[in-house]
Protein backbone atom coordinates (compact mmCIF):
# COMPACT_ATOMS: atom_id res chain seq x y z
CA LEU A 1 45.28 32.08 -31.63
CA ARG A 2 41.78 31.23 -30.48
CA VAL A 3 41.23 31.35 -26.78
CA GLY A 4 38.37 29.54 -25.09
CA ALA A 5 36.24 26.61 -26.02
CA ARG A 6 32.74 26.32 -27.31
CA LEU A 7 30.51 24.59 -24.87
CA ALA A 8 27.54 22.57 -25.94
CA PRO A 9 24.23 23.67 -24.43
CA PRO A 10 23.02 21.60 -21.50
CA LYS A 11 20.82 18.64 -22.35
CA LEU A 12 17.35 19.00 -20.85
CA VAL A 13 14.92 16.10 -20.55
CA PRO A 14 11.31 16.11 -19.35
CA THR A 15 10.73 14.67 -15.88
CA GLY A 16 7.21 13.50 -16.69
CA LYS A 17 5.47 16.19 -14.64
CA VAL A 18 3.05 18.67 -16.14
CA LEU A 19 3.36 22.01 -14.34
CA GLY A 20 0.44 23.69 -16.05
CA PHE A 21 -1.26 24.38 -19.34
CA LYS A 22 -0.92 27.07 -22.00
CA VAL A 23 -3.71 28.18 -24.30
CA VAL A 24 -2.31 28.43 -27.85
CA GLU A 25 -5.66 28.91 -29.63
CA ARG A 26 -8.64 30.51 -27.86
CA GLY A 27 -11.35 29.26 -30.17
CA CYS A 28 -14.88 30.52 -29.47
CA GLY A 29 -18.44 29.44 -28.80
CA HIS A 30 -18.08 27.96 -25.32
CA THR A 31 -21.04 28.69 -23.08
CA THR A 32 -19.68 26.78 -20.08
CA PRO A 33 -16.07 26.14 -18.98
CA PRO A 34 -14.80 23.25 -21.13
CA GLU A 35 -13.26 20.10 -19.71
CA ILE A 36 -9.63 19.45 -20.61
CA THR A 37 -8.73 15.78 -20.90
CA VAL A 38 -5.40 14.05 -21.42
CA ALA A 39 -4.61 10.78 -23.17
CA SER A 40 -1.49 9.33 -24.74
CA ILE A 41 -0.72 8.41 -28.33
CA GLY A 42 0.19 4.83 -27.41
CA GLY A 43 -2.87 4.38 -25.20
CA SER A 44 -0.90 3.90 -21.98
CA ILE A 45 -2.96 6.76 -20.54
CA GLN A 46 -6.70 6.49 -21.01
CA SER A 47 -8.57 9.75 -21.47
CA LYS A 48 -9.09 11.46 -18.12
CA GLU A 49 -10.15 14.93 -17.08
CA VAL A 50 -7.29 16.96 -15.65
CA ALA A 51 -8.37 20.59 -15.92
CA LYS A 52 -11.14 23.10 -16.55
CA GLY A 53 -10.97 26.05 -18.88
CA ARG A 54 -11.98 29.60 -18.08
CA ILE A 55 -13.84 31.37 -20.83
CA GLY A 56 -14.13 35.03 -21.75
CA LYS A 57 -17.30 36.94 -22.61
CA ASP A 58 -16.86 35.96 -26.26
CA GLY A 59 -16.80 32.25 -25.40
CA GLY A 60 -13.08 31.92 -26.13
CA LEU A 61 -10.79 29.97 -23.83
CA ASP A 62 -8.82 32.43 -21.67
CA SER A 63 -6.95 30.14 -19.29
CA VAL A 64 -6.79 26.62 -17.91
CA GLU A 65 -6.53 25.46 -14.31
CA ALA A 66 -5.75 21.93 -13.21
CA ASP A 67 -8.53 20.41 -11.13
CA VAL A 68 -6.57 17.37 -10.00
CA PRO A 69 -3.76 17.13 -7.41
CA PRO A 70 -0.21 17.74 -8.75
CA GLU A 71 0.72 14.06 -8.39
CA ALA A 72 -2.05 13.21 -10.89
CA LEU A 73 -0.14 15.27 -13.47
CA ASP A 74 2.94 13.02 -13.40
CA PHE A 75 2.92 11.03 -16.63
CA ALA A 76 6.43 9.52 -16.42
CA ASP A 77 7.47 7.90 -19.71
CA ALA A 78 4.33 8.93 -21.60
CA VAL A 79 5.00 12.67 -21.28
CA ASN A 80 6.23 12.95 -24.89
CA ASP A 81 3.07 11.25 -26.18
CA LEU A 82 0.45 13.38 -24.42
CA ILE A 83 -2.65 14.52 -26.26
CA LEU A 84 -4.67 17.32 -24.65
CA ASN A 85 -8.27 17.67 -25.77
CA VAL A 86 -10.54 20.63 -25.11
CA ALA A 87 -14.26 19.82 -25.11
CA ASP A 88 -15.88 21.13 -28.27
CA PRO A 89 -18.09 24.22 -28.03
CA LYS A 90 -21.76 24.13 -28.93
CA ASP A 91 -21.19 26.57 -31.79
CA ASN A 92 -17.90 27.96 -33.03
CA SER A 93 -19.23 29.51 -36.23
CA ALA A 94 -18.25 33.01 -35.05
CA CYS A 95 -14.54 32.24 -35.45
CA GLY A 96 -14.38 28.80 -37.06
CA THR A 97 -11.57 27.54 -34.80
CA LEU A 98 -11.39 25.21 -31.83
CA ALA A 99 -9.50 25.93 -28.64
CA LYS A 100 -6.09 24.28 -28.31
CA VAL A 101 -4.02 23.73 -25.16
CA VAL A 102 -0.47 22.45 -24.70
CA PRO A 103 1.17 21.17 -21.51
CA ILE A 104 3.89 23.12 -19.71
CA LEU A 105 6.44 20.44 -18.82
CA GLU A 106 9.01 20.26 -16.05
CA TYR A 107 12.57 19.58 -17.25
CA ARG A 108 15.79 18.51 -15.56
CA VAL A 109 19.38 18.89 -16.68
CA GLU A 110 20.71 15.52 -17.84
CA SER A 111 24.19 16.62 -18.89
CA VAL A 112 26.25 19.73 -19.39
């Protein structure tokens, strides 16, 4: 006899709000804090600056802070199509990579 039932995991869906940003590749060669812009794949969001990066002594991207009010980070239906761009450094020859940032999204439980 098997007792109990297997429950499916809850279904989570993005609300459209970006809570913050995560650096997934530091890159190198930045001499000033780079601008972080957001756009959407479908073009419903035109490129706009949303954050500034903080750089380390080696010119790599250490962290990102939003420089717009939280309501400006609500992208509604376009949240799955976001493209975050980090301004290119003047010279990244020391490491050969570019910094990369991903959004930290807010989710809500749709069903259990």
